[in-house]
Amino acid sequence: MAHNYVSKSVQPRLFKVGANVAWLLALIECTAIQTVEIVGGILSITGTKKTVYPWSDALEQFCIWMTDADGNSHVHRFNKQGVLKAEDNEYTQAMRESGRYTVVSYKGHNYVCETVNGKTVRVENVNKTAVCTEIICHFLSAIVSGAENVPMNTAVDNAIAGKTKFIVKMVADTWADPDDGVVHDQLVVSSKKDSFSVYDENKPEKKSGDSGLES
C-alpha cells in the first residue's frame, strides 16, 4: 500500500476574495522590517528582513492572525503611522525650501527624509497616520460587535476568548519582492476604511467570497 503515497508540501488554506466571516486568533506588535510567522500555532516575530533600506526608521505595526469556520486563515498587518512622500500635498513649499529635508527615492517611491541624530529617517505624514488610526479603530469596532470606547487590550482579549465574528473584505493584488523584483499574486485585506465591519448574526450569513455583502 505504501506505493500509493507521495510527499507533498502543505498549502495554506486562505480566505477568498470578497467578504469573509472571521474571528481573531492573535494580535502582536512588530515593525515593518520584522518577519512574522506562525510557529507552533503561535503568531511570532521570527527575524528581520534582508532588505537594506536607505533610511534607519521602521514603521510600527500591529499584526493579526484571523481564521474562519472552514479553517481558512490570513495574517494581516496594520501600519500605525504614515510617511510623507514628495508628491503629497503636505510636503509644502516652505518645507521644500527650508533645506532641512531631502527626497530619497527607492523602488519608484520618493520619500521625504530628514537627519535625526546623524541618521536618515522618513518624515511622518500626520494625515496618513490619522487614516491608519481610523482603520485600526474600525477593526477594533468590528471585533467588539460595534461597542463604543472599548480599550484595545480589552477588545483583543475578549475577541480572542469569545471568538467574536466580524466581516473582513479581501481583494486580489500583486506584490513586487524588494530583493529580486519578482511580482507575485496575493490576496490582501482591502485598503478601504470599511475593510473590517461588524458581523450581524441576525442576518443571513453570506458565503465567504460573496462580494455582495453590504458595505
C-alpha atoms as a PDB file:
ATOM      1  CA  MET A   1       0.000   0.000   0.000  1.00  0.00           C
ATOM      2  CA  ALA A   2       2.933   2.375   0.622  1.00  0.00           C
ATOM      3  CA  HIS A   3       3.404   2.994  -3.105  1.00  0.00           C
ATOM      4  CA  ASN A   4       0.082   4.927  -3.159  1.00  0.00           C
ATOM      5  CA  TYR A   5       1.555   7.800  -1.149  1.00  0.00           C
ATOM      6  CA  VAL A   6       3.859  10.626  -2.242  1.00  0.00           C
ATOM      7  CA  SER A   7       5.193  13.636  -0.350  1.00  0.00           C
ATOM      8  CA  LYS A   8       3.515  16.989  -0.904  1.00  0.00           C
ATOM      9  CA  SER A   9       4.067  20.405   0.647  1.00  0.00           C
ATOM     10  CA  VAL A  10       1.327  21.709   2.905  1.00  0.00           C
ATOM     11  CA  GLN A  11      -0.539  24.583   1.232  1.00  0.00           C
ATOM     12  CA  PRO A  12      -2.182  27.176   3.485  1.00  0.00           C
ATOM     13  CA  ARG A  13      -5.941  27.488   3.251  1.00  0.00           C
ATOM     14  CA  LEU A  14      -6.599  31.160   2.619  1.00  0.00           C
ATOM     15  CA  PHE A  15      -9.586  33.482   2.726  1.00  0.00           C
ATOM     16  CA  LYS A  16     -11.402  34.212  -0.513  1.00  0.00           C
ATOM     17  CA  VAL A  17     -11.889  37.421  -2.496  1.00  0.00           C
ATOM     18  CA  GLY A  18     -14.813  39.412  -1.119  1.00  0.00           C
ATOM     19  CA  ALA A  19     -16.425  39.329   2.308  1.00  0.00           C
ATOM     20  CA  ASN A  20     -15.309  36.678   4.798  1.00  0.00           C
ATOM     21  CA  VAL A  21     -16.810  35.911   8.212  1.00  0.00           C
ATOM     22  CA  ALA A  22     -13.815  35.556  10.514  1.00  0.00           C
ATOM     23  CA  TRP A  23     -12.606  35.790  14.097  1.00  0.00           C
ATOM     24  CA  LEU A  24      -9.337  36.772  15.713  1.00  0.00           C
ATOM     25  CA  LEU A  25      -6.711  34.252  16.804  1.00  0.00           C
ATOM     26  CA  ALA A  26      -3.861  36.575  17.789  1.00  0.00           C
ATOM     27  CA  LEU A  27      -2.506  40.113  17.668  1.00  0.00           C
ATOM     28  CA  ILE A  28       1.123  41.162  18.198  1.00  0.00           C
ATOM     29  CA  GLU A  29       3.139  44.350  17.762  1.00  0.00           C
ATOM     30  CA  CYS A  30       6.023  44.384  15.297  1.00  0.00           C
ATOM     31  CA  THR A  31       7.790  46.638  12.810  1.00  0.00           C
ATOM     32  CA  ALA A  32       7.656  46.633   9.023  1.00  0.00           C
ATOM     33  CA  ILE A  33      11.171  45.190   8.759  1.00  0.00           C
ATOM     34  CA  GLN A  34      10.490  42.233  11.038  1.00  0.00           C
ATOM     35  CA  THR A  35       9.365  38.877   9.678  1.00  0.00           C
ATOM     36  CA  VAL A  36       6.278  37.350  11.278  1.00  0.00           C
ATOM     37  CA  GLU A  37       5.276  33.700  11.010  1.00  0.00           C
ATOM     38  CA  ILE A  38       3.009  31.183  12.703  1.00  0.00           C
ATOM     39  CA  VAL A  39       5.305  28.911  14.693  1.00  0.00           C
ATOM     40  CA  GLY A  40       3.805  26.029  16.627  1.00  0.00           C
ATOM     41  CA  GLY A  41       0.383  27.623  16.430  1.00  0.00           C
ATOM     42  CA  ILE A  42       1.668  30.957  17.783  1.00  0.00           C
ATOM     43  CA  LEU A  43       1.969  34.219  15.805  1.00  0.00           C
ATOM     44  CA  SER A  44       5.618  35.136  16.310  1.00  0.00           C
ATOM     45  CA  ILE A  45       8.348  37.547  15.219  1.00  0.00           C
ATOM     46  CA  THR A  46      10.977  35.302  13.627  1.00  0.00           C
ATOM     47  CA  GLY A  47      13.657  37.695  12.400  1.00  0.00           C
ATOM     48  CA  THR A  48      14.484  40.752  10.315  1.00  0.00           C
ATOM     49  CA  LYS A  49      14.024  41.163   6.575  1.00  0.00           C
ATOM     50  CA  LYS A  50      17.177  41.029   4.461  1.00  0.00           C
ATOM     51  CA  THR A  51      16.341  44.183   2.518  1.00  0.00           C
ATOM     52  CA  VAL A  52      18.583  47.162   3.323  1.00  0.00           C
ATOM     53  CA  TYR A  53      16.723  50.470   3.119  1.00  0.00           C
ATOM     54  CA  PRO A  54      18.249  53.938   2.666  1.00  0.00           C
ATOM     55  CA  TRP A  55      16.652  55.102   5.931  1.00  0.00           C
ATOM     56  CA  SER A  56      17.015  53.889   9.506  1.00  0.00           C
ATOM     57  CA  ASP A  57      13.418  54.073  10.720  1.00  0.00           C
ATOM     58  CA  ALA A  58      10.934  51.200  10.609  1.00  0.00           C
ATOM     59  CA  LEU A  59       7.177  51.681  10.697  1.00  0.00           C
ATOM     60  CA  GLU A  60       5.497  50.281  13.798  1.00  0.00           C
ATOM     61  CA  GLN A  61       2.704  47.828  13.103  1.00  0.00           C
ATOM     62  CA  PHE A  62       0.033  45.609  14.587  1.00  0.00           C
ATOM     63  CA  CYS A  63      -0.050  42.122  13.072  1.00  0.00           C
ATOM     64  CA  ILE A  64      -3.187  39.980  13.328  1.00  0.00           C
ATOM     65  CA  TRP A  65      -3.976  36.353  12.590  1.00  0.00           C
ATOM     66  CA  MET A  66      -7.564  35.546  11.586  1.00  0.00           C
ATOM     67  CA  THR A  67      -9.438  32.340  10.838  1.00  0.00           C
ATOM     68  CA  ASP A  68     -12.918  31.243   9.738  1.00  0.00           C
ATOM     69  CA  ALA A  69     -15.308  28.325  10.225  1.00  0.00           C
ATOM     70  CA  ASP A  70     -13.717  26.382   7.349  1.00  0.00           C
ATOM     71  CA  GLY A  71     -10.231  26.558   8.820  1.00  0.00           C
ATOM     72  CA  ASN A  72      -9.006  29.178   6.335  1.00  0.00           C
ATOM     73  CA  SER A  73      -6.721  31.842   7.760  1.00  0.00           C
ATOM     74  CA  HIS A  74      -4.970  35.095   6.965  1.00  0.00           C
ATOM     75  CA  VAL A  75      -2.241  37.220   8.565  1.00  0.00           C
ATOM     76  CA  HIS A  76      -2.563  40.988   8.131  1.00  0.00           C
ATOM     77  CA  ARG A  77      -0.503  43.980   9.241  1.00  0.00           C
ATOM     78  CA  PHE A  78      -1.751  47.448  10.183  1.00  0.00           C
ATOM     79  CA  ASN A  79       0.637  50.384   9.921  1.00  0.00           C
ATOM     80  CA  LYS A  80       0.472  52.698  12.912  1.00  0.00           C
ATOM     81  CA  GLN A  81       1.968  55.644  11.006  1.00  0.00           C
ATOM     82  CA  GLY A  82       2.039  57.101   7.521  1.00  0.00           C
ATOM     83  CA  VAL A  83       5.113  58.636   5.901  1.00  0.00           C
ATOM     84  CA  LEU A  84       5.467  61.727   3.752  1.00  0.00           C
ATOM     85  CA  LYS A  85       6.160  61.436   0.035  1.00  0.00           C
ATOM     86  CA  ALA A  86       7.375  64.165  -2.297  1.00  0.00           C
ATOM     87  CA  GLU A  87       4.078  64.220  -4.186  1.00  0.00           C
ATOM     88  CA  ASP A  88       1.938  64.634  -1.060  1.00  0.00           C
ATOM     89  CA  ASN A  89       0.198  67.981  -0.590  1.00  0.00           C
ATOM     90  CA  GLU A  90       1.507  68.005   2.974  1.00  0.00           C
ATOM     91  CA  TYR A  91       5.047  68.455   1.619  1.00  0.00           C
ATOM     92  CA  THR A  92       4.716  72.215   1.496  1.00  0.00           C
ATOM     93  CA  GLN A  93       6.749  74.746  -0.446  1.00  0.00           C
ATOM     94  CA  ALA A  94       8.137  76.060   2.822  1.00  0.00           C
ATOM     95  CA  MET A  95       9.395  72.580   3.691  1.00  0.00           C
ATOM     96  CA  ARG A  96      10.949  72.193   0.249  1.00  0.00           C
ATOM     97  CA  GLU A  97      12.821  75.487   0.617  1.00  0.00           C
ATOM     98  CA  SER A  98      13.876  75.020   4.227  1.00  0.00           C
ATOM     99  CA  GLY A  99      16.949  72.945   3.453  1.00  0.00           C
ATOM    100  CA  ARG A 100      16.018  70.591   6.284  1.00  0.00           C
ATOM    101  CA  TYR A 101      14.520  67.849   4.141  1.00  0.00           C
ATOM    102  CA  THR A 102      15.781  65.626   1.330  1.00  0.00           C
ATOM    103  CA  VAL A 103      13.875  63.320  -1.014  1.00  0.00           C
ATOM    104  CA  VAL A 104      15.097  59.731  -1.029  1.00  0.00           C
ATOM    105  CA  SER A 105      13.968  57.619  -3.986  1.00  0.00           C
ATOM    106  CA  TYR A 106      13.517  53.889  -3.518  1.00  0.00           C
ATOM    107  CA  LYS A 107      11.774  51.369  -5.780  1.00  0.00           C
ATOM    108  CA  GLY A 108       9.802  54.090  -7.564  1.00  0.00           C
ATOM    109  CA  HIS A 109       8.734  55.905  -4.385  1.00  0.00           C
ATOM    110  CA  ASN A 110      10.019  59.312  -3.292  1.00  0.00           C
ATOM    111  CA  TYR A 111      10.162  59.657   0.494  1.00  0.00           C
ATOM    112  CA  VAL A 112      10.742  62.920   2.328  1.00  0.00           C
ATOM    113  CA  CYS A 113      13.508  62.398   4.876  1.00  0.00           C
ATOM    114  CA  GLU A 114      15.449  64.336   7.465  1.00  0.00           C
ATOM    115  CA  THR A 115      18.527  63.706   9.572  1.00  0.00           C
ATOM    116  CA  VAL A 116      17.948  62.896  13.239  1.00  0.00           C
ATOM    117  CA  ASN A 117      20.914  62.104  15.489  1.00  0.00           C
ATOM    118  CA  GLY A 118      23.032  61.533  12.423  1.00  0.00           C
ATOM    119  CA  LYS A 119      20.601  59.069  10.846  1.00  0.00           C
ATOM    120  CA  THR A 120      18.277  59.410   7.847  1.00  0.00           C
ATOM    121  CA  VAL A 121      14.641  58.955   8.846  1.00  0.00           C
ATOM    122  CA  ARG A 122      11.415  59.363   6.945  1.00  0.00           C
ATOM    123  CA  VAL A 123       9.094  62.210   7.898  1.00  0.00           C
ATOM    124  CA  GLU A 124       5.661  61.352   9.246  1.00  0.00           C
ATOM    125  CA  ASN A 125       2.572  62.402   7.301  1.00  0.00           C
ATOM    126  CA  VAL A 126       0.125  63.119  10.111  1.00  0.00           C
ATOM    127  CA  ASN A 127      -2.883  62.902   7.807  1.00  0.00           C
ATOM    128  CA  LYS A 128      -1.890  59.417   6.679  1.00  0.00           C
ATOM    129  CA  THR A 129      -1.283  58.470  10.307  1.00  0.00           C
ATOM    130  CA  ALA A 130      -4.829  59.617  11.093  1.00  0.00           C
ATOM    131  CA  VAL A 131      -6.138  57.273   8.378  1.00  0.00           C
ATOM    132  CA  CYS A 132      -4.077  54.399   9.836  1.00  0.00           C
ATOM    133  CA  THR A 133      -5.589  55.107  13.255  1.00  0.00           C
ATOM    134  CA  GLU A 134      -9.100  55.201  11.810  1.00  0.00           C
ATOM    135  CA  ILE A 135      -8.623  51.827  10.077  1.00  0.00           C
ATOM    136  CA  ILE A 136      -7.344  50.245  13.309  1.00  0.00           C
ATOM    137  CA  CYS A 137     -10.305  51.694  15.214  1.00  0.00           C
ATOM    138  CA  HIS A 138     -12.703  50.245  12.598  1.00  0.00           C
ATOM    139  CA  PHE A 139     -11.067  46.867  13.155  1.00  0.00           C
ATOM    140  CA  LEU A 140     -11.471  47.190  16.937  1.00  0.00           C
ATOM    141  CA  SER A 141     -15.116  48.155  16.498  1.00  0.00           C
ATOM    142  CA  ALA A 142     -15.676  45.069  14.337  1.00  0.00           C
ATOM    143  CA  ILE A 143     -14.176  42.666  16.888  1.00  0.00           C
ATOM    144  CA  VAL A 144     -16.300  44.063  19.738  1.00  0.00           C
ATOM    145  CA  SER A 145     -19.525  43.970  17.694  1.00  0.00           C
ATOM    146  CA  GLY A 146     -19.704  47.763  17.484  1.00  0.00           C
ATOM    147  CA  ALA A 147     -19.334  48.551  21.191  1.00  0.00           C
ATOM    148  CA  GLU A 148     -18.008  52.069  21.838  1.00  0.00           C
ATOM    149  CA  ASN A 149     -14.867  53.177  23.707  1.00  0.00           C
ATOM    150  CA  VAL A 150     -13.507  49.713  24.458  1.00  0.00           C
ATOM    151  CA  PRO A 151      -9.726  49.843  25.193  1.00  0.00           C
ATOM    152  CA  MET A 152      -7.629  47.931  22.669  1.00  0.00           C
ATOM    153  CA  ASN A 153      -6.229  45.334  25.084  1.00  0.00           C
ATOM    154  CA  THR A 154      -9.702  44.544  26.387  1.00  0.00           C
ATOM    155  CA  ALA A 155     -11.158  44.376  22.878  1.00  0.00           C
ATOM    156  CA  VAL A 156      -8.468  41.984  21.656  1.00  0.00           C
ATOM    157  CA  ASP A 157      -8.557  39.716  24.730  1.00  0.00           C
ATOM    158  CA  ASN A 158     -12.357  39.457  24.675  1.00  0.00           C
ATOM    159  CA  ALA A 159     -12.498  38.905  20.909  1.00  0.00           C
ATOM    160  CA  ILE A 160      -9.985  36.063  21.051  1.00  0.00           C
ATOM    161  CA  ALA A 161     -11.589  34.410  24.089  1.00  0.00           C
ATOM    162  CA  GLY A 162     -15.117  34.767  22.718  1.00  0.00           C
ATOM    163  CA  LYS A 163     -14.282  34.042  19.061  1.00  0.00           C
ATOM    164  CA  THR A 164     -16.254  37.148  18.129  1.00  0.00           C
ATOM    165  CA  LYS A 165     -17.172  37.023  14.454  1.00  0.00           C
ATOM    166  CA  PHE A 166     -16.588  40.002  12.159  1.00  0.00           C
ATOM    167  CA  ILE A 167     -16.525  40.733   8.437  1.00  0.00           C
ATOM    168  CA  VAL A 168     -13.222  41.225   6.612  1.00  0.00           C
ATOM    169  CA  LYS A 169     -13.090  42.129   2.919  1.00  0.00           C
ATOM    170  CA  MET A 170     -10.309  40.638   0.789  1.00  0.00           C
ATOM    171  CA  VAL A 171      -9.101  41.752  -2.653  1.00  0.00           C
ATOM    172  CA  ALA A 172      -6.683  40.305  -5.204  1.00  0.00           C
ATOM    173  CA  ASP A 173      -3.445  42.245  -5.563  1.00  0.00           C
ATOM    174  CA  THR A 174       0.170  41.931  -6.697  1.00  0.00           C
ATOM    175  CA  TRP A 175       3.377  42.347  -4.706  1.00  0.00           C
ATOM    176  CA  ALA A 176       6.889  43.004  -6.016  1.00  0.00           C
ATOM    177  CA  ASP A 177       9.649  41.373  -3.957  1.00  0.00           C
ATOM    178  CA  PRO A 178      12.057  44.200  -3.000  1.00  0.00           C
ATOM    179  CA  ASP A 179      15.013  41.784  -3.123  1.00  0.00           C
ATOM    180  CA  ASP A 180      14.632  40.343  -6.621  1.00  0.00           C
ATOM    181  CA  GLY A 181      11.818  42.398  -8.180  1.00  0.00           C
ATOM    182  CA  VAL A 182       9.700  39.306  -8.896  1.00  0.00           C
ATOM    183  CA  VAL A 183       5.972  40.139  -8.925  1.00  0.00           C
ATOM    184  CA  HIS A 184       3.697  37.778  -7.003  1.00  0.00           C
ATOM    185  CA  ASP A 185      -0.094  37.459  -6.941  1.00  0.00           C
ATOM    186  CA  GLN A 186      -1.519  37.762  -3.459  1.00  0.00           C
ATOM    187  CA  LEU A 187      -4.733  38.141  -1.513  1.00  0.00           C
ATOM    188  CA  VAL A 188      -4.867  41.104   0.852  1.00  0.00           C
ATOM    189  CA  VAL A 189      -7.293  42.898   3.133  1.00  0.00           C
ATOM    190  CA  SER A 190      -8.991  45.759   1.294  1.00  0.00           C
ATOM    191  CA  SER A 191      -7.349  49.130   1.946  1.00  0.00           C
ATOM    192  CA  LYS A 192     -10.736  50.829   2.298  1.00  0.00           C
ATOM    193  CA  LYS A 193     -11.880  52.028   5.712  1.00  0.00           C
ATOM    194  CA  ASP A 194     -14.780  49.548   5.696  1.00  0.00           C
ATOM    195  CA  SER A 195     -12.452  46.574   5.176  1.00  0.00           C
ATOM    196  CA  PHE A 196     -13.499  45.406   8.664  1.00  0.00           C
ATOM    197  CA  SER A 197     -17.094  45.571   9.834  1.00  0.00           C
ATOM    198  CA  VAL A 198     -19.446  44.143  12.447  1.00  0.00           C
ATOM    199  CA  TYR A 199     -20.953  40.730  11.777  1.00  0.00           C
ATOM    200  CA  ASP A 200     -24.687  40.647  12.410  1.00  0.00           C
ATOM    201  CA  GLU A 201     -25.709  37.103  13.351  1.00  0.00           C
ATOM    202  CA  ASN A 202     -29.360  38.010  12.819  1.00  0.00           C
ATOM    203  CA  LYS A 203     -28.765  38.481   9.104  1.00  0.00           C
ATOM    204  CA  PRO A 204     -28.438  35.502   6.758  1.00  0.00           C
ATOM    205  CA  GLU A 205     -24.765  34.541   6.646  1.00  0.00           C
ATOM    206  CA  LYS A 206     -23.182  35.062   3.252  1.00  0.00           C
ATOM    207  CA  LYS A 207     -20.691  32.569   1.916  1.00  0.00           C
ATOM    208  CA  SER A 208     -17.007  33.588   2.016  1.00  0.00           C
ATOM    209  CA  GLY A 209     -16.071  35.355  -1.161  1.00  0.00           C
ATOM    210  CA  ASP A 210     -19.505  36.878  -1.721  1.00  0.00           C
ATOM    211  CA  SER A 211     -18.683  40.471  -2.597  1.00  0.00           C
ATOM    212  CA  GLY A 212     -22.356  41.343  -2.466  1.00  0.00           C
ATOM    213  CA  LEU A 213     -22.307  41.656   1.327  1.00  0.00           C
ATOM    214  CA  GLU A 214     -23.453  45.069   2.444  1.00  0.00           C
ATOM    215  CA  SER A 215     -20.736  47.645   2.875  1.00  0.00           C
END
